[in-house]
Amino acid sequence: MVPYGWLMVNNVDTSSCGRGLDGLPGRLRIATWNVERPKPRGWKIPPAQRERMAEVNAHIWVLTETHVDHQPTPAHTHRAFSPPHPERRPDHERWVGIWSRWPMTALTDPPAHRRGSLAVEVATPWGPVIVYGTVLAWANERHFDDGQPARMWEVHHAEVDRQCGEWASIARNHPGSPLVVAGDFNQDRDGSGWYGTNPARKAVTDGLAAAGLECVTAFDAAAEGRLATGHLVDHICVSRHWAHLSTVELAERIDIQGRRLSDHPTVTVEIDLDPALIPLVEPIVQ
């Protein structure tokens, strides 16, 4: 038996989120999407992406390969970004952006990193939740952060080590707050070997365990009929005691009108936080 709830959507199934965000008594919705560098003044794809994001109806968005003005909906008035990375992207672009309907504060320990990591504490109606947005570097990243040349996958491995250490640090330093890690991991976690390296996958698995996290998107979406093709490299990982309360929703890269929105699908997790079901946090056993 799969320990999570699943909802298969070809474009977007809004049946689970039609209650409206203000009317959700105990369901936290967090989504991640690599929006593939939308043009700030684009007239076709950016508006279509915003239509998708409105349909998904998430409280919190972790957008990757984005820019500072790509607001999911007018209701998402609180935002934070990873720092500029001028060697790799124009100034207005960011590897990671987090948008929230509720106030949030960027953590300074660990600090946001230009390679693509950022942690915020969101003041949700259920209490503070820490959201860590990530991009783990792709296979062909050519240089380390100090400018030294890198071989294939080396920067990815270095970023896995750095970010896994940050997840564990956050879990230790904020034992009263649940942690969610979401973004573009640049690795499948379904056993297919489609993209990534085995050492990096194992390191992420160990890092998640050390931080008390579980990846709820570690399944073969195409084989199980949840996406038409491909494998997930965009993942959402939640505090372990939230995993069995999580329902995963996927939306295709192409929308119902045939528009190609991105080279990545949209990934959403809805967490049932009915106070009668579960306490907000559970201590990590080291």
C-alpha atoms as a PDB file:
ATOM      1  CA  MET A   1       0.000   0.000   0.000  1.00  0.00           C
ATOM      2  CA  VAL A   2       1.298   3.441  -0.908  1.00  0.00           C
ATOM      3  CA  PRO A   3       1.541   5.507   2.305  1.00  0.00           C
ATOM      4  CA  TYR A   4       0.443   8.763   0.717  1.00  0.00           C
ATOM      5  CA  GLY A   5      -2.685   9.979  -0.940  1.00  0.00           C
ATOM      6  CA  TRP A   6      -2.543  10.450  -4.719  1.00  0.00           C
ATOM      7  CA  LEU A   7      -4.507  12.593  -7.122  1.00  0.00           C
ATOM      8  CA  MET A   8      -3.765  12.177 -10.821  1.00  0.00           C
ATOM      9  CA  VAL A   9      -4.362  15.225 -13.012  1.00  0.00           C
ATOM     10  CA  ASN A  10      -3.643  15.629 -16.700  1.00  0.00           C
ATOM     11  CA  ASN A  11      -3.916  19.396 -16.706  1.00  0.00           C
ATOM     12  CA  VAL A  12      -5.232  20.476 -13.292  1.00  0.00           C
ATOM     13  CA  ASP A  13      -7.917  18.775 -11.251  1.00  0.00           C
ATOM     14  CA  THR A  14      -9.340  21.521  -9.076  1.00  0.00           C
ATOM     15  CA  SER A  15     -11.878  19.324  -7.328  1.00  0.00           C
ATOM     16  CA  SER A  16      -9.667  19.016  -4.270  1.00  0.00           C
ATOM     17  CA  CYS A  17      -9.034  22.736  -3.966  1.00  0.00           C
ATOM     18  CA  GLY A  18     -12.341  24.282  -4.927  1.00  0.00           C
ATOM     19  CA  ARG A  19     -13.118  25.126  -1.327  1.00  0.00           C
ATOM     20  CA  GLY A  20     -11.075  28.299  -1.633  1.00  0.00           C
ATOM     21  CA  LEU A  21      -7.926  29.068   0.299  1.00  0.00           C
ATOM     22  CA  ASP A  22      -9.632  31.012   3.063  1.00  0.00           C
ATOM     23  CA  GLY A  23     -12.077  28.142   3.557  1.00  0.00           C
ATOM     24  CA  LEU A  24      -9.557  25.343   4.064  1.00  0.00           C
ATOM     25  CA  PRO A  25     -10.023  24.366   7.716  1.00  0.00           C
ATOM     26  CA  GLY A  26      -7.011  22.098   7.947  1.00  0.00           C
ATOM     27  CA  ARG A  27      -5.285  21.653   4.601  1.00  0.00           C
ATOM     28  CA  LEU A  28      -1.966  23.266   3.770  1.00  0.00           C
ATOM     29  CA  ARG A  29      -1.120  23.368   0.052  1.00  0.00           C
ATOM     30  CA  ILE A  30       2.497  23.791  -1.054  1.00  0.00           C
ATOM     31  CA  ALA A  31       3.540  23.620  -4.709  1.00  0.00           C
ATOM     32  CA  THR A  32       6.788  23.718  -6.634  1.00  0.00           C
ATOM     33  CA  TRP A  33       7.378  24.365 -10.307  1.00  0.00           C
ATOM     34  CA  ASN A  34      10.392  24.984 -12.507  1.00  0.00           C
ATOM     35  CA  VAL A  35       8.918  27.692 -14.740  1.00  0.00           C
ATOM     36  CA  GLU A  36      11.822  27.553 -17.235  1.00  0.00           C
ATOM     37  CA  ARG A  37      12.948  31.185 -17.164  1.00  0.00           C
ATOM     38  CA  PRO A  38       9.752  33.007 -18.203  1.00  0.00           C
ATOM     39  CA  LYS A  39      10.220  36.325 -19.954  1.00  0.00           C
ATOM     40  CA  PRO A  40       9.249  39.261 -17.710  1.00  0.00           C
ATOM     41  CA  ARG A  41       7.202  40.821 -20.525  1.00  0.00           C
ATOM     42  CA  GLY A  42       6.126  37.610 -22.190  1.00  0.00           C
ATOM     43  CA  TRP A  43       2.568  37.791 -23.495  1.00  0.00           C
ATOM     44  CA  LYS A  44       1.928  34.077 -24.010  1.00  0.00           C
ATOM     45  CA  ILE A  45       3.629  31.692 -21.591  1.00  0.00           C
ATOM     46  CA  PRO A  46       3.831  33.778 -18.381  1.00  0.00           C
ATOM     47  CA  PRO A  47       0.072  34.535 -18.347  1.00  0.00           C
ATOM     48  CA  ALA A  48      -0.649  30.867 -19.059  1.00  0.00           C
ATOM     49  CA  GLN A  49       1.625  29.855 -16.186  1.00  0.00           C
ATOM     50  CA  ARG A  50      -0.263  32.218 -13.883  1.00  0.00           C
ATOM     51  CA  GLU A  51      -3.528  30.612 -14.986  1.00  0.00           C
ATOM     52  CA  ARG A  52      -2.087  27.238 -13.985  1.00  0.00           C
ATOM     53  CA  MET A  53      -0.906  28.569 -10.633  1.00  0.00           C
ATOM     54  CA  ALA A  54      -4.316  30.063  -9.883  1.00  0.00           C
ATOM     55  CA  GLU A  55      -5.927  26.699 -10.670  1.00  0.00           C
ATOM     56  CA  VAL A  56      -3.491  24.813  -8.439  1.00  0.00           C
ATOM     57  CA  ASN A  57      -4.583  27.089  -5.600  1.00  0.00           C
ATOM     58  CA  ALA A  58      -1.530  26.641  -3.367  1.00  0.00           C
ATOM     59  CA  HIS A  59      -0.907  28.662  -0.230  1.00  0.00           C
ATOM     60  CA  ILE A  60       2.868  28.628  -0.760  1.00  0.00           C
ATOM     61  CA  TRP A  61       4.792  28.401  -4.038  1.00  0.00           C
ATOM     62  CA  VAL A  62       8.434  27.439  -4.513  1.00  0.00           C
ATOM     63  CA  LEU A  63       9.296  28.534  -8.049  1.00  0.00           C
ATOM     64  CA  THR A  64      12.615  27.640  -9.652  1.00  0.00           C
ATOM     65  CA  GLU A  65      14.347  29.192 -12.668  1.00  0.00           C
ATOM     66  CA  THR A  66      12.115  32.184 -12.162  1.00  0.00           C
ATOM     67  CA  HIS A  67      12.370  35.969 -11.879  1.00  0.00           C
ATOM     68  CA  VAL A  68      11.517  38.481  -9.184  1.00  0.00           C
ATOM     69  CA  ASP A  69       8.218  39.646 -10.724  1.00  0.00           C
ATOM     70  CA  HIS A  70       6.690  36.267 -11.595  1.00  0.00           C
ATOM     71  CA  GLN A  71       3.987  36.434  -8.929  1.00  0.00           C
ATOM     72  CA  PRO A  72       1.770  33.330  -8.860  1.00  0.00           C
ATOM     73  CA  THR A  73      -1.447  35.202  -7.999  1.00  0.00           C
ATOM     74  CA  PRO A  74      -2.341  38.623  -6.552  1.00  0.00           C
ATOM     75  CA  ALA A  75      -2.976  36.884  -3.222  1.00  0.00           C
ATOM     76  CA  HIS A  76       0.687  35.875  -2.916  1.00  0.00           C
ATOM     77  CA  THR A  77       1.946  39.151  -1.517  1.00  0.00           C
ATOM     78  CA  HIS A  78       4.921  37.863   0.472  1.00  0.00           C
ATOM     79  CA  ARG A  79       8.053  36.838  -1.395  1.00  0.00           C
ATOM     80  CA  ALA A  80      11.719  35.971  -0.930  1.00  0.00           C
ATOM     81  CA  PHE A  81      14.443  34.964  -3.374  1.00  0.00           C
ATOM     82  CA  SER A  82      17.847  33.396  -3.559  1.00  0.00           C
ATOM     83  CA  PRO A  83      20.505  36.044  -4.285  1.00  0.00           C
ATOM     84  CA  PRO A  84      21.456  37.034  -7.843  1.00  0.00           C
ATOM     85  CA  HIS A  85      23.906  34.766  -9.659  1.00  0.00           C
ATOM     86  CA  PRO A  86      25.298  37.080 -12.346  1.00  0.00           C
ATOM     87  CA  GLU A  87      27.735  34.531 -13.755  1.00  0.00           C
ATOM     88  CA  ARG A  88      24.798  32.320 -14.714  1.00  0.00           C
ATOM     89  CA  ARG A  89      21.654  34.451 -14.932  1.00  0.00           C
ATOM     90  CA  PRO A  90      20.609  38.085 -15.601  1.00  0.00           C
ATOM     91  CA  ASP A  91      20.041  40.214 -12.521  1.00  0.00           C
ATOM     92  CA  HIS A  92      16.226  39.927 -12.480  1.00  0.00           C
ATOM     93  CA  GLU A  93      16.321  36.116 -12.619  1.00  0.00           C
ATOM     94  CA  ARG A  94      16.670  33.878  -9.592  1.00  0.00           C
ATOM     95  CA  TRP A  95      17.210  30.167  -9.152  1.00  0.00           C
ATOM     96  CA  VAL A  96      14.605  30.080  -6.357  1.00  0.00           C
ATOM     97  CA  GLY A  97      11.662  32.250  -5.375  1.00  0.00           C
ATOM     98  CA  ILE A  98       9.220  31.547  -2.534  1.00  0.00           C
ATOM     99  CA  TRP A  99       5.811  33.211  -2.602  1.00  0.00           C
ATOM    100  CA  SER A 100       3.277  33.012   0.225  1.00  0.00           C
ATOM    101  CA  ARG A 101      -0.203  34.211   1.094  1.00  0.00           C
ATOM    102  CA  TRP A 102       0.988  34.662   4.676  1.00  0.00           C
ATOM    103  CA  PRO A 103       3.826  36.712   6.153  1.00  0.00           C
ATOM    104  CA  MET A 104       7.208  35.068   6.162  1.00  0.00           C
ATOM    105  CA  THR A 105      10.713  35.833   7.337  1.00  0.00           C
ATOM    106  CA  ALA A 106      13.890  34.736   5.574  1.00  0.00           C
ATOM    107  CA  LEU A 107      16.246  32.744   7.787  1.00  0.00           C
ATOM    108  CA  THR A 108      19.774  34.058   8.134  1.00  0.00           C
ATOM    109  CA  ASP A 109      21.120  30.730   9.383  1.00  0.00           C
ATOM    110  CA  PRO A 110      21.543  29.229   6.899  1.00  0.00           C
ATOM    111  CA  PRO A 111      21.727  32.274   4.642  1.00  0.00           C
ATOM    112  CA  ALA A 112      20.232  32.289   1.178  1.00  0.00           C
ATOM    113  CA  HIS A 113      22.738  31.123  -1.431  1.00  0.00           C
ATOM    114  CA  ARG A 114      23.058  32.287  -5.007  1.00  0.00           C
ATOM    115  CA  ARG A 115      23.450  28.722  -6.274  1.00  0.00           C
ATOM    116  CA  GLY A 116      19.802  28.202  -5.466  1.00  0.00           C
ATOM    117  CA  SER A 117      18.777  27.766  -1.855  1.00  0.00           C
ATOM    118  CA  LEU A 118      16.624  29.816   0.466  1.00  0.00           C
ATOM    119  CA  ALA A 119      14.855  29.119   3.766  1.00  0.00           C
ATOM    120  CA  VAL A 120      11.905  31.079   5.149  1.00  0.00           C
ATOM    121  CA  GLU A 121       9.663  30.775   8.174  1.00  0.00           C
ATOM    122  CA  VAL A 122       6.031  31.161   7.138  1.00  0.00           C
ATOM    123  CA  ALA A 123       3.451  32.299   9.683  1.00  0.00           C
ATOM    124  CA  THR A 124       0.684  29.857   8.759  1.00  0.00           C
ATOM    125  CA  PRO A 125      -2.634  29.591  10.630  1.00  0.00           C
ATOM    126  CA  TRP A 126      -1.303  26.351  12.163  1.00  0.00           C
ATOM    127  CA  GLY A 127       1.864  27.969  13.439  1.00  0.00           C
ATOM    128  CA  PRO A 128       5.316  28.559  11.912  1.00  0.00           C
ATOM    129  CA  VAL A 129       6.405  26.292   9.059  1.00  0.00           C
ATOM    130  CA  ILE A 130       9.893  26.473   7.586  1.00  0.00           C
ATOM    131  CA  VAL A 131      10.080  26.140   3.809  1.00  0.00           C
ATOM    132  CA  TYR A 132      13.421  25.528   2.140  1.00  0.00           C
ATOM    133  CA  GLY A 133      13.477  26.151  -1.609  1.00  0.00           C
ATOM    134  CA  THR A 134      16.159  24.430  -3.624  1.00  0.00           C
ATOM    135  CA  VAL A 135      17.804  23.948  -6.966  1.00  0.00           C
ATOM    136  CA  LEU A 136      20.463  21.260  -6.876  1.00  0.00           C
ATOM    137  CA  ALA A 137      22.802  22.031  -9.769  1.00  0.00           C
ATOM    138  CA  TRP A 138      22.330  20.132 -13.016  1.00  0.00           C
ATOM    139  CA  ALA A 139      24.836  17.651 -14.447  1.00  0.00           C
ATOM    140  CA  ASN A 140      26.727  20.069 -16.681  1.00  0.00           C
ATOM    141  CA  GLU A 141      27.337  22.965 -14.303  1.00  0.00           C
ATOM    142  CA  ARG A 142      30.829  23.964 -15.396  1.00  0.00           C
ATOM    143  CA  HIS A 143      32.244  25.873 -12.422  1.00  0.00           C
ATOM    144  CA  PHE A 144      32.288  25.701  -8.664  1.00  0.00           C
ATOM    145  CA  ASP A 145      31.272  28.802  -6.758  1.00  0.00           C
ATOM    146  CA  ASP A 146      34.902  29.948  -6.510  1.00  0.00           C
ATOM    147  CA  GLY A 147      35.224  29.834 -10.306  1.00  0.00           C
ATOM    148  CA  GLN A 148      37.258  26.646 -10.441  1.00  0.00           C
ATOM    149  CA  PRO A 149      36.328  24.312 -13.318  1.00  0.00           C
ATOM    150  CA  ALA A 150      34.135  21.334 -12.525  1.00  0.00           C
ATOM    151  CA  ARG A 151      33.527  18.031 -14.242  1.00  0.00           C
ATOM    152  CA  MET A 152      30.114  16.562 -14.930  1.00  0.00           C
ATOM    153  CA  TRP A 153      28.002  16.194 -11.758  1.00  0.00           C
ATOM    154  CA  GLU A 154      30.709  17.579  -9.455  1.00  0.00           C
ATOM    155  CA  VAL A 155      28.848  20.784  -8.627  1.00  0.00           C
ATOM    156  CA  HIS A 156      25.653  18.786  -8.099  1.00  0.00           C
ATOM    157  CA  HIS A 157      27.441  16.584  -5.575  1.00  0.00           C
ATOM    158  CA  ALA A 158      28.911  19.627  -3.812  1.00  0.00           C
ATOM    159  CA  GLU A 159      25.483  21.265  -3.595  1.00  0.00           C
ATOM    160  CA  VAL A 160      23.920  18.082  -2.253  1.00  0.00           C
ATOM    161  CA  ASP A 161      26.508  18.035   0.543  1.00  0.00           C
ATOM    162  CA  ARG A 162      26.009  21.712   1.351  1.00  0.00           C
ATOM    163  CA  GLN A 163      22.240  21.692   1.299  1.00  0.00           C
ATOM    164  CA  CYS A 164      21.824  18.413   3.187  1.00  0.00           C
ATOM    165  CA  GLY A 165      23.905  19.931   5.951  1.00  0.00           C
ATOM    166  CA  GLU A 166      21.602  22.952   6.002  1.00  0.00           C
ATOM    167  CA  TRP A 167      18.466  20.796   6.261  1.00  0.00           C
ATOM    168  CA  ALA A 168      19.898  19.029   9.306  1.00  0.00           C
ATOM    169  CA  SER A 169      20.952  22.341  10.844  1.00  0.00           C
ATOM    170  CA  ILE A 170      17.467  23.802  10.424  1.00  0.00           C
ATOM    171  CA  ALA A 171      15.880  20.726  11.998  1.00  0.00           C
ATOM    172  CA  ARG A 172      18.207  20.986  15.009  1.00  0.00           C
ATOM    173  CA  ASN A 173      17.831  24.726  15.447  1.00  0.00           C
ATOM    174  CA  HIS A 174      14.053  24.862  14.969  1.00  0.00           C
ATOM    175  CA  PRO A 175      12.691  21.766  16.718  1.00  0.00           C
ATOM    176  CA  GLY A 176       9.280  23.383  17.169  1.00  0.00           C
ATOM    177  CA  SER A 177       8.651  24.015  13.480  1.00  0.00           C
ATOM    178  CA  PRO A 178       7.839  21.549  10.693  1.00  0.00           C
ATOM    179  CA  LEU A 179      10.193  21.667   7.712  1.00  0.00           C
ATOM    180  CA  VAL A 180       9.348  21.366   4.019  1.00  0.00           C
ATOM    181  CA  VAL A 181      12.069  21.131   1.343  1.00  0.00           C
ATOM    182  CA  ALA A 182      10.825  21.706  -2.205  1.00  0.00           C
ATOM    183  CA  GLY A 183      12.242  22.506  -5.608  1.00  0.00           C
ATOM    184  CA  ASP A 184      14.271  21.129  -8.492  1.00  0.00           C
ATOM    185  CA  PHE A 185      16.484  18.333  -7.184  1.00  0.00           C
ATOM    186  CA  ASN A 186      17.842  17.470 -10.657  1.00  0.00           C
ATOM    187  CA  GLN A 187      17.580  13.799  -9.781  1.00  0.00           C
ATOM    188  CA  ASP A 188      14.884  11.182 -10.069  1.00  0.00           C
ATOM    189  CA  ARG A 189      13.984   9.427  -6.837  1.00  0.00           C
ATOM    190  CA  ASP A 190      11.863   6.622  -8.282  1.00  0.00           C
ATOM    191  CA  GLY A 191      14.562   4.004  -8.885  1.00  0.00           C
ATOM    192  CA  SER A 192      14.582   4.557 -12.649  1.00  0.00           C
ATOM    193  CA  GLY A 193      18.073   6.034 -12.889  1.00  0.00           C
ATOM    194  CA  TRP A 194      16.667   8.477 -15.457  1.00  0.00           C
ATOM    195  CA  TYR A 195      18.663  11.493 -14.272  1.00  0.00           C
ATOM    196  CA  GLY A 196      21.203  11.860 -11.513  1.00  0.00           C
ATOM    197  CA  THR A 197      23.887   9.723  -9.901  1.00  0.00           C
ATOM    198  CA  ASN A 198      23.534   6.964  -7.359  1.00  0.00           C
ATOM    199  CA  PRO A 199      25.967   8.581  -4.879  1.00  0.00           C
ATOM    200  CA  ALA A 200      24.023  11.858  -4.989  1.00  0.00           C
ATOM    201  CA  ARG A 201      20.689  10.086  -4.577  1.00  0.00           C
ATOM    202  CA  LYS A 202      22.015   8.189  -1.576  1.00  0.00           C
ATOM    203  CA  ALA A 203      23.416  11.392  -0.092  1.00  0.00           C
ATOM    204  CA  VAL A 204      20.022  13.084  -0.435  1.00  0.00           C
ATOM    205  CA  THR A 205      18.306  10.062   1.111  1.00  0.00           C
ATOM    206  CA  ASP A 206      20.701  10.213   4.061  1.00  0.00           C
ATOM    207  CA  GLY A 207      20.317  13.979   4.327  1.00  0.00           C
ATOM    208  CA  LEU A 208      16.541  13.760   4.408  1.00  0.00           C
ATOM    209  CA  ALA A 209      16.696  11.102   7.123  1.00  0.00           C
ATOM    210  CA  ALA A 210      19.076  13.192   9.222  1.00  0.00           C
ATOM    211  CA  ALA A 211      16.649  16.126   9.041  1.00  0.00           C
ATOM    212  CA  GLY A 212      13.596  14.003   9.837  1.00  0.00           C
ATOM    213  CA  LEU A 213      12.191  14.441   6.323  1.00  0.00           C
ATOM    214  CA  GLU A 214      10.469  12.123   3.866  1.00  0.00           C
ATOM    215  CA  CYS A 215      10.216  12.644   0.120  1.00  0.00           C
ATOM    216  CA  VAL A 216       6.556  12.185  -0.811  1.00  0.00           C
ATOM    217  CA  THR A 217       7.258  12.444  -4.557  1.00  0.00           C
ATOM    218  CA  ALA A 218       9.588   9.443  -4.819  1.00  0.00           C
ATOM    219  CA  PHE A 219       7.455   7.471  -7.277  1.00  0.00           C
ATOM    220  CA  ASP A 220       7.474   6.744 -11.011  1.00  0.00           C
ATOM    221  CA  ALA A 221       4.827   9.154 -12.251  1.00  0.00           C
ATOM    222  CA  ALA A 222       4.681   7.832 -15.819  1.00  0.00           C
ATOM    223  CA  ALA A 223       4.690   4.149 -14.897  1.00  0.00           C
ATOM    224  CA  GLU A 224       1.837   4.729 -12.472  1.00  0.00           C
ATOM    225  CA  GLY A 225      -0.133   6.758 -15.008  1.00  0.00           C
ATOM    226  CA  ARG A 226       0.174  10.054 -13.179  1.00  0.00           C
ATOM    227  CA  LEU A 227       2.078  11.793 -15.991  1.00  0.00           C
ATOM    228  CA  ALA A 228       2.099  11.001 -19.694  1.00  0.00           C
ATOM    229  CA  THR A 229       5.890  10.735 -19.918  1.00  0.00           C
ATOM    230  CA  GLY A 230       9.078  11.351 -18.011  1.00  0.00           C
ATOM    231  CA  HIS A 231      10.184  11.146 -14.410  1.00  0.00           C
ATOM    232  CA  LEU A 232       9.976  13.635 -11.586  1.00  0.00           C
ATOM    233  CA  VAL A 233      13.090  15.609 -10.706  1.00  0.00           C
ATOM    234  CA  ASP A 234      11.062  18.257  -8.860  1.00  0.00           C
ATOM    235  CA  HIS A 235      10.313  17.033  -5.367  1.00  0.00           C
ATOM    236  CA  ILE A 236       8.603  17.966  -2.136  1.00  0.00           C
ATOM    237  CA  CYS A 237       9.864  16.554   1.137  1.00  0.00           C
ATOM    238  CA  VAL A 238       7.998  17.034   4.410  1.00  0.00           C
ATOM    239  CA  SER A 239       8.569  16.375   8.091  1.00  0.00           C
ATOM    240  CA  ARG A 240       8.273  12.626   8.513  1.00  0.00           C
ATOM    241  CA  HIS A 241       5.115  12.710  10.613  1.00  0.00           C
ATOM    242  CA  TRP A 242       3.352  14.665   7.838  1.00  0.00           C
ATOM    243  CA  ALA A 243       4.087  12.137   5.087  1.00  0.00           C
ATOM    244  CA  HIS A 244       1.022   9.942   5.606  1.00  0.00           C
ATOM    245  CA  LEU A 245      -1.159  13.074   5.693  1.00  0.00           C
ATOM    246  CA  SER A 246       0.111  14.272   2.312  1.00  0.00           C
ATOM    247  CA  THR A 247      -1.742  14.064  -0.999  1.00  0.00           C
ATOM    248  CA  VAL A 248       0.377  14.592  -4.114  1.00  0.00           C
ATOM    249  CA  GLU A 249      -1.075  16.279  -7.196  1.00  0.00           C
ATOM    250  CA  LEU A 250       0.669  16.548 -10.571  1.00  0.00           C
ATOM    251  CA  ALA A 251      -0.097  18.739 -13.560  1.00  0.00           C
ATOM    252  CA  GLU A 252       1.310  18.130 -17.023  1.00  0.00           C
ATOM    253  CA  ARG A 253       3.836  20.316 -18.792  1.00  0.00           C
ATOM    254  CA  ILE A 254       1.212  21.026 -21.467  1.00  0.00           C
ATOM    255  CA  ASP A 255      -2.126  22.476 -20.415  1.00  0.00           C
ATOM    256  CA  ILE A 256      -5.594  21.470 -21.580  1.00  0.00           C
ATOM    257  CA  GLN A 257      -5.405  24.044 -24.391  1.00  0.00           C
ATOM    258  CA  GLY A 258      -2.242  22.461 -25.750  1.00  0.00           C
ATOM    259  CA  ARG A 259       0.096  25.200 -24.553  1.00  0.00           C
ATOM    260  CA  ARG A 260       3.562  24.058 -23.456  1.00  0.00           C
ATOM    261  CA  LEU A 261       3.931  25.818 -20.119  1.00  0.00           C
ATOM    262  CA  SER A 262       7.356  24.524 -19.080  1.00  0.00           C
ATOM    263  CA  ASP A 263       9.717  21.597 -19.489  1.00  0.00           C
ATOM    264  CA  HIS A 264       8.748  20.538 -15.954  1.00  0.00           C
ATOM    265  CA  PRO A 265       5.389  19.445 -14.525  1.00  0.00           C
ATOM    266  CA  THR A 266       3.753  21.198 -11.601  1.00  0.00           C
ATOM    267  CA  VAL A 267       4.006  19.350  -8.277  1.00  0.00           C
ATOM    268  CA  THR A 268       1.694  20.061  -5.349  1.00  0.00           C
ATOM    269  CA  VAL A 269       1.341  18.535  -1.899  1.00  0.00           C
ATOM    270  CA  GLU A 270      -1.759  19.034   0.202  1.00  0.00           C
ATOM    271  CA  ILE A 271      -1.202  18.253   3.884  1.00  0.00           C
ATOM    272  CA  ASP A 272      -4.214  17.514   6.068  1.00  0.00           C
ATOM    273  CA  LEU A 273      -3.496  19.368   9.293  1.00  0.00           C
ATOM    274  CA  ASP A 274      -6.790  18.847  11.036  1.00  0.00           C
ATOM    275  CA  PRO A 275      -5.812  19.360  14.687  1.00  0.00           C
ATOM    276  CA  ALA A 276      -7.843  16.303  15.638  1.00  0.00           C
ATOM    277  CA  LEU A 277      -5.548  14.136  13.528  1.00  0.00           C
ATOM    278  CA  ILE A 278      -2.015  15.177  14.413  1.00  0.00           C
ATOM    279  CA  PRO A 279       0.091  17.612  16.449  1.00  0.00           C
ATOM    280  CA  LEU A 280       1.874  20.265  14.408  1.00  0.00           C
ATOM    281  CA  VAL A 281       5.340  18.969  15.204  1.00  0.00           C
ATOM    282  CA  GLU A 282       6.994  15.807  16.363  1.00  0.00           C
ATOM    283  CA  PRO A 283      10.477  15.711  17.858  1.00  0.00           C
ATOM    284  CA  ILE A 284      13.247  14.218  15.750  1.00  0.00           C
ATOM    285  CA  VAL A 285      14.889  11.210  17.324  1.00  0.00           C
ATOM    286  CA  GLN A 286      18.617  11.396  16.711  1.00  0.00           C
END
